[in-house]
């Protein structure tokens, strides 16, 4: 399926699948230039060849790579992603949890609750966001360099993990109960990326603790799922 057949439009859009990546297909199925300039765009996925991570925040495409053992994030659209999930959201319903968020599971529960308030159907996929200060966050950037046929074991080996403490972060995520192995991990309903407040680091979020004072958001009433 060509990228052009699933260009920007209403609802959650995606091309490619995580299960195909784990099966060895590391080709760039999503041409990011096709989405460059689209307003109010949010998305995420792994970079072609698994040599980085793609995170899209309000139209800004962040590319994270590993260079000299450091996470380096740049902004640009002249890349391709193995798989990509994205949505356009102009207006968000935002709430402050009022307490710390202990982990990704609690964040997911808060997002589901807020989605109900916005009238979203939990049986259909939707994007979400969060901003705040991470007491601690662990994330990874894929950096495959072995040249070997890819599989789940080598996928784990390609993850370069980093842990940051007491850092402002912005999160973009996608929720779905029905897309495990497509645009969410096989064992999870959510796929979440982050970038730090200074924009110097981004990647795939694995674990997080948010300090009190953060905010979460889902598409406001009227968004087309």
C-alpha atoms as a PDB file:
ATOM      1  CA  UNK A   1       0.000   0.000   0.000  1.00  0.00           C
ATOM      2  CA  UNK A   2       1.389   3.371  -0.963  1.00  0.00           C
ATOM      3  CA  UNK A   3       1.718   6.243   1.437  1.00  0.00           C
ATOM      4  CA  UNK A   4      -0.387   8.485  -0.777  1.00  0.00           C
ATOM      5  CA  UNK A   5      -3.462   6.277  -0.215  1.00  0.00           C
ATOM      6  CA  UNK A   6      -3.584   7.174   3.491  1.00  0.00           C
ATOM      7  CA  UNK A   7      -2.629  10.857   3.518  1.00  0.00           C
ATOM      8  CA  UNK A   8      -3.821  13.360   6.105  1.00  0.00           C
ATOM      9  CA  UNK A   9      -7.512  13.284   6.943  1.00  0.00           C
ATOM     10  CA  UNK A  10      -9.942  12.843   9.817  1.00  0.00           C
ATOM     11  CA  UNK A  11      -9.387  10.391  12.631  1.00  0.00           C
ATOM     12  CA  UNK A  12      -6.320   8.300  13.404  1.00  0.00           C
ATOM     13  CA  UNK A  13      -4.323   7.357  10.299  1.00  0.00           C
ATOM     14  CA  UNK A  14      -1.529   4.820  10.013  1.00  0.00           C
ATOM     15  CA  UNK A  15       0.669   3.005   7.553  1.00  0.00           C
ATOM     16  CA  UNK A  16       2.888  -0.014   8.107  1.00  0.00           C
ATOM     17  CA  UNK A  17       2.886  -2.092  11.286  1.00  0.00           C
ATOM     18  CA  UNK A  18       5.148  -2.919  14.203  1.00  0.00           C
ATOM     19  CA  UNK A  19       4.644  -6.645  13.600  1.00  0.00           C
ATOM     20  CA  UNK A  20       6.074  -6.223  10.098  1.00  0.00           C
ATOM     21  CA  UNK A  21       9.127  -4.496  11.559  1.00  0.00           C
ATOM     22  CA  UNK A  22       9.620  -7.354  14.026  1.00  0.00           C
ATOM     23  CA  UNK A  23       9.289  -9.706  11.071  1.00  0.00           C
ATOM     24  CA  UNK A  24      12.211  -8.020   9.316  1.00  0.00           C
ATOM     25  CA  UNK A  25      10.660  -5.292   7.150  1.00  0.00           C
ATOM     26  CA  UNK A  26      12.677  -2.155   7.957  1.00  0.00           C
ATOM     27  CA  UNK A  27      11.786  -0.245   4.808  1.00  0.00           C
ATOM     28  CA  UNK A  28      10.505   3.316   5.004  1.00  0.00           C
ATOM     29  CA  UNK A  29       6.806   2.991   4.181  1.00  0.00           C
ATOM     30  CA  UNK A  30       5.858   6.482   5.337  1.00  0.00           C
ATOM     31  CA  UNK A  31       7.337   9.485   3.516  1.00  0.00           C
ATOM     32  CA  UNK A  32       7.343  12.268   6.092  1.00  0.00           C
ATOM     33  CA  UNK A  33       7.559  14.948   3.415  1.00  0.00           C
ATOM     34  CA  UNK A  34       4.014  14.007   2.404  1.00  0.00           C
ATOM     35  CA  UNK A  35       2.843  15.278   5.796  1.00  0.00           C
ATOM     36  CA  UNK A  36       5.178  18.248   6.148  1.00  0.00           C
ATOM     37  CA  UNK A  37       3.225  21.442   6.612  1.00  0.00           C
ATOM     38  CA  UNK A  38      -0.024  19.743   7.645  1.00  0.00           C
ATOM     39  CA  UNK A  39      -1.528  21.812  10.491  1.00  0.00           C
ATOM     40  CA  UNK A  40      -2.125  20.476  14.008  1.00  0.00           C
ATOM     41  CA  UNK A  41      -0.415  17.179  13.230  1.00  0.00           C
ATOM     42  CA  UNK A  42       0.663  14.676  15.906  1.00  0.00           C
ATOM     43  CA  UNK A  43       2.290  11.311  15.263  1.00  0.00           C
ATOM     44  CA  UNK A  44       5.008   8.784  15.991  1.00  0.00           C
ATOM     45  CA  UNK A  45       6.910   5.788  14.644  1.00  0.00           C
ATOM     46  CA  UNK A  46      10.395   4.309  14.098  1.00  0.00           C
ATOM     47  CA  UNK A  47      12.783   5.742  11.522  1.00  0.00           C
ATOM     48  CA  UNK A  48      13.586   3.783   8.373  1.00  0.00           C
ATOM     49  CA  UNK A  49      16.149   1.063   9.029  1.00  0.00           C
ATOM     50  CA  UNK A  50      15.485   1.433  12.770  1.00  0.00           C
ATOM     51  CA  UNK A  51      18.142   4.139  13.001  1.00  0.00           C
ATOM     52  CA  UNK A  52      16.036   6.514  15.069  1.00  0.00           C
ATOM     53  CA  UNK A  53      12.591   7.636  16.237  1.00  0.00           C
ATOM     54  CA  UNK A  54      10.007   9.947  14.683  1.00  0.00           C
ATOM     55  CA  UNK A  55       7.840  12.147  16.924  1.00  0.00           C
ATOM     56  CA  UNK A  56       5.438  14.807  15.630  1.00  0.00           C
ATOM     57  CA  UNK A  57       4.220  17.593  17.920  1.00  0.00           C
ATOM     58  CA  UNK A  58       1.774  20.113  16.434  1.00  0.00           C
ATOM     59  CA  UNK A  59       3.310  19.769  12.983  1.00  0.00           C
ATOM     60  CA  UNK A  60       6.964  19.811  14.121  1.00  0.00           C
ATOM     61  CA  UNK A  61       8.659  16.570  13.066  1.00  0.00           C
ATOM     62  CA  UNK A  62      11.387  15.592  15.537  1.00  0.00           C
ATOM     63  CA  UNK A  63      13.933  12.962  14.499  1.00  0.00           C
ATOM     64  CA  UNK A  64      15.949  11.348  17.311  1.00  0.00           C
ATOM     65  CA  UNK A  65      19.141   9.441  16.536  1.00  0.00           C
ATOM     66  CA  UNK A  66      22.100   8.079  18.455  1.00  0.00           C
ATOM     67  CA  UNK A  67      25.327   9.883  17.616  1.00  0.00           C
ATOM     68  CA  UNK A  68      28.520   9.174  19.551  1.00  0.00           C
ATOM     69  CA  UNK A  69      26.442   7.432  22.218  1.00  0.00           C
ATOM     70  CA  UNK A  70      24.266  10.520  22.732  1.00  0.00           C
ATOM     71  CA  UNK A  71      20.640  11.162  21.818  1.00  0.00           C
ATOM     72  CA  UNK A  72      20.552  13.886  19.172  1.00  0.00           C
ATOM     73  CA  UNK A  73      17.203  15.337  18.091  1.00  0.00           C
ATOM     74  CA  UNK A  74      16.727  17.416  14.961  1.00  0.00           C
ATOM     75  CA  UNK A  75      13.670  18.865  13.221  1.00  0.00           C
ATOM     76  CA  UNK A  76      13.060  17.906   9.604  1.00  0.00           C
ATOM     77  CA  UNK A  77      10.852  16.001   7.178  1.00  0.00           C
ATOM     78  CA  UNK A  78      13.264  14.542   4.625  1.00  0.00           C
ATOM     79  CA  UNK A  79      13.035  11.067   6.165  1.00  0.00           C
ATOM     80  CA  UNK A  80      10.881   7.963   6.040  1.00  0.00           C
ATOM     81  CA  UNK A  81       9.405   5.857   8.834  1.00  0.00           C
ATOM     82  CA  UNK A  82       8.998   2.076   8.943  1.00  0.00           C
ATOM     83  CA  UNK A  83       5.501   2.616  10.280  1.00  0.00           C
ATOM     84  CA  UNK A  84       3.718   5.760  11.317  1.00  0.00           C
ATOM     85  CA  UNK A  85       0.515   6.647  13.164  1.00  0.00           C
ATOM     86  CA  UNK A  86      -0.775  10.209  13.112  1.00  0.00           C
ATOM     87  CA  UNK A  87      -3.796  12.449  13.570  1.00  0.00           C
ATOM     88  CA  UNK A  88      -4.733  16.082  13.163  1.00  0.00           C
ATOM     89  CA  UNK A  89      -6.246  17.731  16.240  1.00  0.00           C
ATOM     90  CA  UNK A  90      -6.969  21.435  16.302  1.00  0.00           C
ATOM     91  CA  UNK A  91      -8.761  21.668  19.660  1.00  0.00           C
ATOM     92  CA  UNK A  92      -7.949  19.624  22.768  1.00  0.00           C
ATOM     93  CA  UNK A  93      -9.870  19.002  25.972  1.00  0.00           C
ATOM     94  CA  UNK A  94      -7.268  19.500  28.694  1.00  0.00           C
ATOM     95  CA  UNK A  95      -7.370  18.676  32.394  1.00  0.00           C
ATOM     96  CA  UNK A  96      -4.927  18.754  35.318  1.00  0.00           C
ATOM     97  CA  UNK A  97      -4.957  15.441  37.224  1.00  0.00           C
ATOM     98  CA  UNK A  98      -4.225  17.321  40.438  1.00  0.00           C
ATOM     99  CA  UNK A  99      -1.841  14.659  41.700  1.00  0.00           C
ATOM    100  CA  UNK A 100       1.328  12.932  40.606  1.00  0.00           C
ATOM    101  CA  UNK A 101       1.029  10.289  37.887  1.00  0.00           C
ATOM    102  CA  UNK A 102       2.823   7.201  39.116  1.00  0.00           C
ATOM    103  CA  UNK A 103       3.285   5.254  35.885  1.00  0.00           C
ATOM    104  CA  UNK A 104       2.160   4.678  32.315  1.00  0.00           C
ATOM    105  CA  UNK A 105      -0.780   2.547  33.479  1.00  0.00           C
ATOM    106  CA  UNK A 106      -2.159   5.411  35.556  1.00  0.00           C
ATOM    107  CA  UNK A 107      -1.656   7.808  32.662  1.00  0.00           C
ATOM    108  CA  UNK A 108      -3.626   5.436  30.419  1.00  0.00           C
ATOM    109  CA  UNK A 109      -6.479   5.285  32.945  1.00  0.00           C
ATOM    110  CA  UNK A 110      -6.596   9.090  33.191  1.00  0.00           C
ATOM    111  CA  UNK A 111      -6.639   9.396  29.407  1.00  0.00           C
ATOM    112  CA  UNK A 112      -9.526   6.914  29.114  1.00  0.00           C
ATOM    113  CA  UNK A 113     -11.496   8.825  31.729  1.00  0.00           C
ATOM    114  CA  UNK A 114     -10.934  12.137  29.956  1.00  0.00           C
ATOM    115  CA  UNK A 115     -11.883  10.550  26.623  1.00  0.00           C
ATOM    116  CA  UNK A 116     -15.247   9.638  28.130  1.00  0.00           C
ATOM    117  CA  UNK A 117     -15.717  13.255  29.162  1.00  0.00           C
ATOM    118  CA  UNK A 118     -14.994  14.326  25.577  1.00  0.00           C
ATOM    119  CA  UNK A 119     -17.492  11.838  24.176  1.00  0.00           C
ATOM    120  CA  UNK A 120     -14.858   9.725  22.421  1.00  0.00           C
ATOM    121  CA  UNK A 121     -15.596   6.071  21.681  1.00  0.00           C
ATOM    122  CA  UNK A 122     -13.054   3.954  23.657  1.00  0.00           C
ATOM    123  CA  UNK A 123     -13.527   1.191  21.115  1.00  0.00           C
ATOM    124  CA  UNK A 124     -11.920   3.364  18.441  1.00  0.00           C
ATOM    125  CA  UNK A 125      -8.373   4.774  18.421  1.00  0.00           C
ATOM    126  CA  UNK A 126      -7.590   8.314  19.467  1.00  0.00           C
ATOM    127  CA  UNK A 127      -4.484  10.431  20.189  1.00  0.00           C
ATOM    128  CA  UNK A 128      -3.633  12.043  23.500  1.00  0.00           C
ATOM    129  CA  UNK A 129      -1.071  14.439  24.935  1.00  0.00           C
ATOM    130  CA  UNK A 130       0.472  15.259  28.284  1.00  0.00           C
ATOM    131  CA  UNK A 131       2.809  17.957  29.548  1.00  0.00           C
ATOM    132  CA  UNK A 132       4.511  18.319  32.890  1.00  0.00           C
ATOM    133  CA  UNK A 133       7.681  17.631  34.808  1.00  0.00           C
ATOM    134  CA  UNK A 134       8.894  14.047  34.867  1.00  0.00           C
ATOM    135  CA  UNK A 135      10.236  13.014  38.241  1.00  0.00           C
ATOM    136  CA  UNK A 136      11.786  10.168  36.259  1.00  0.00           C
ATOM    137  CA  UNK A 137      11.380   8.982  32.706  1.00  0.00           C
ATOM    138  CA  UNK A 138      12.948   6.122  30.757  1.00  0.00           C
ATOM    139  CA  UNK A 139      12.871   6.185  26.975  1.00  0.00           C
ATOM    140  CA  UNK A 140      14.698   4.553  24.100  1.00  0.00           C
ATOM    141  CA  UNK A 141      15.903   5.393  20.621  1.00  0.00           C
ATOM    142  CA  UNK A 142      16.284   2.554  18.130  1.00  0.00           C
ATOM    143  CA  UNK A 143      19.773   2.319  16.672  1.00  0.00           C
ATOM    144  CA  UNK A 144      20.141  -0.868  14.636  1.00  0.00           C
ATOM    145  CA  UNK A 145      23.690  -1.295  13.369  1.00  0.00           C
ATOM    146  CA  UNK A 146      24.239  -5.079  13.251  1.00  0.00           C
ATOM    147  CA  UNK A 147      23.221  -5.543   9.607  1.00  0.00           C
ATOM    148  CA  UNK A 148      21.530  -8.842  10.518  1.00  0.00           C
ATOM    149  CA  UNK A 149      17.998  -9.959   9.606  1.00  0.00           C
ATOM    150  CA  UNK A 150      15.668  -8.383  12.131  1.00  0.00           C
ATOM    151  CA  UNK A 151      13.562 -10.227  14.708  1.00  0.00           C
ATOM    152  CA  UNK A 152      12.090  -9.486  18.171  1.00  0.00           C
ATOM    153  CA  UNK A 153      15.331 -10.353  19.994  1.00  0.00           C
ATOM    154  CA  UNK A 154      17.405  -8.054  17.786  1.00  0.00           C
ATOM    155  CA  UNK A 155      14.748  -5.383  18.167  1.00  0.00           C
ATOM    156  CA  UNK A 156      15.410  -5.328  21.909  1.00  0.00           C
ATOM    157  CA  UNK A 157      19.141  -5.204  21.287  1.00  0.00           C
ATOM    158  CA  UNK A 158      18.689  -2.151  19.030  1.00  0.00           C
ATOM    159  CA  UNK A 159      17.110  -0.076  21.815  1.00  0.00           C
ATOM    160  CA  UNK A 160      19.423   2.522  23.356  1.00  0.00           C
ATOM    161  CA  UNK A 161      17.828   3.479  26.672  1.00  0.00           C
ATOM    162  CA  UNK A 162      18.218   6.677  28.618  1.00  0.00           C
ATOM    163  CA  UNK A 163      16.818   7.823  31.990  1.00  0.00           C
ATOM    164  CA  UNK A 164      16.197  11.475  32.866  1.00  0.00           C
ATOM    165  CA  UNK A 165      15.142  12.946  36.212  1.00  0.00           C
ATOM    166  CA  UNK A 166      13.247  16.150  37.033  1.00  0.00           C
ATOM    167  CA  UNK A 167      12.903  17.321  33.441  1.00  0.00           C
ATOM    168  CA  UNK A 168      10.021  19.102  31.662  1.00  0.00           C
ATOM    169  CA  UNK A 169       8.485  16.844  29.020  1.00  0.00           C
ATOM    170  CA  UNK A 170       5.750  16.780  26.408  1.00  0.00           C
ATOM    171  CA  UNK A 171       4.156  13.456  25.479  1.00  0.00           C
ATOM    172  CA  UNK A 172       2.246  12.404  22.396  1.00  0.00           C
ATOM    173  CA  UNK A 173       0.478   9.071  22.427  1.00  0.00           C
ATOM    174  CA  UNK A 174      -2.094   6.928  20.679  1.00  0.00           C
ATOM    175  CA  UNK A 175      -4.614   4.688  22.399  1.00  0.00           C
ATOM    176  CA  UNK A 176      -6.291   1.634  20.872  1.00  0.00           C
ATOM    177  CA  UNK A 177      -7.492  -1.686  22.200  1.00  0.00           C
ATOM    178  CA  UNK A 178      -7.525  -3.150  18.681  1.00  0.00           C
ATOM    179  CA  UNK A 179      -4.173  -2.251  17.114  1.00  0.00           C
ATOM    180  CA  UNK A 180      -1.675  -4.274  19.150  1.00  0.00           C
ATOM    181  CA  UNK A 181       1.291  -5.018  16.917  1.00  0.00           C
ATOM    182  CA  UNK A 182       0.167  -2.401  14.416  1.00  0.00           C
ATOM    183  CA  UNK A 183       0.778   1.011  15.967  1.00  0.00           C
ATOM    184  CA  UNK A 184       0.818   0.023  19.632  1.00  0.00           C
ATOM    185  CA  UNK A 185       3.185  -2.583  21.101  1.00  0.00           C
ATOM    186  CA  UNK A 186       1.896  -6.140  21.142  1.00  0.00           C
ATOM    187  CA  UNK A 187       1.288  -6.049  24.902  1.00  0.00           C
ATOM    188  CA  UNK A 188      -0.079  -2.501  25.277  1.00  0.00           C
ATOM    189  CA  UNK A 189      -3.031  -0.280  24.418  1.00  0.00           C
ATOM    190  CA  UNK A 190      -0.806   2.793  24.147  1.00  0.00           C
ATOM    191  CA  UNK A 191       2.232   3.908  22.195  1.00  0.00           C
ATOM    192  CA  UNK A 192       3.832   7.052  23.600  1.00  0.00           C
ATOM    193  CA  UNK A 193       6.744   9.265  22.541  1.00  0.00           C
ATOM    194  CA  UNK A 194       8.236  12.190  24.407  1.00  0.00           C
ATOM    195  CA  UNK A 195      10.405  15.202  23.888  1.00  0.00           C
ATOM    196  CA  UNK A 196      12.073  17.247  26.561  1.00  0.00           C
ATOM    197  CA  UNK A 197      11.060  20.833  27.149  1.00  0.00           C
ATOM    198  CA  UNK A 198      14.225  22.117  25.493  1.00  0.00           C
ATOM    199  CA  UNK A 199      13.663  19.861  22.463  1.00  0.00           C
ATOM    200  CA  UNK A 200      17.119  18.337  22.764  1.00  0.00           C
ATOM    201  CA  UNK A 201      15.943  14.760  23.393  1.00  0.00           C
ATOM    202  CA  UNK A 202      13.012  12.700  22.154  1.00  0.00           C
ATOM    203  CA  UNK A 203      12.136   9.053  21.727  1.00  0.00           C
ATOM    204  CA  UNK A 204       9.868   6.154  22.644  1.00  0.00           C
ATOM    205  CA  UNK A 205       8.673   6.387  26.231  1.00  0.00           C
ATOM    206  CA  UNK A 206       8.930   3.197  28.283  1.00  0.00           C
ATOM    207  CA  UNK A 207       8.247   4.385  31.855  1.00  0.00           C
ATOM    208  CA  UNK A 208       7.430   7.682  33.528  1.00  0.00           C
ATOM    209  CA  UNK A 209       6.507   9.347  36.816  1.00  0.00           C
ATOM    210  CA  UNK A 210       4.972  12.785  36.428  1.00  0.00           C
ATOM    211  CA  UNK A 211       5.153  15.273  39.273  1.00  0.00           C
ATOM    212  CA  UNK A 212       1.969  17.105  40.401  1.00  0.00           C
ATOM    213  CA  UNK A 213       1.029  20.046  38.209  1.00  0.00           C
ATOM    214  CA  UNK A 214       0.979  18.270  34.855  1.00  0.00           C
ATOM    215  CA  UNK A 215      -1.834  18.311  32.300  1.00  0.00           C
ATOM    216  CA  UNK A 216      -3.328  15.675  30.014  1.00  0.00           C
ATOM    217  CA  UNK A 217      -5.411  16.215  26.888  1.00  0.00           C
ATOM    218  CA  UNK A 218      -7.575  14.351  24.386  1.00  0.00           C
ATOM    219  CA  UNK A 219      -9.332  15.648  21.264  1.00  0.00           C
ATOM    220  CA  UNK A 220     -12.228  17.931  22.194  1.00  0.00           C
ATOM    221  CA  UNK A 221     -15.852  17.145  21.504  1.00  0.00           C
ATOM    222  CA  UNK A 222     -16.521  17.231  17.781  1.00  0.00           C
ATOM    223  CA  UNK A 223     -13.237  15.646  16.678  1.00  0.00           C
ATOM    224  CA  UNK A 224     -13.935  12.993  14.035  1.00  0.00           C
ATOM    225  CA  UNK A 225     -12.690   9.591  15.179  1.00  0.00           C
END
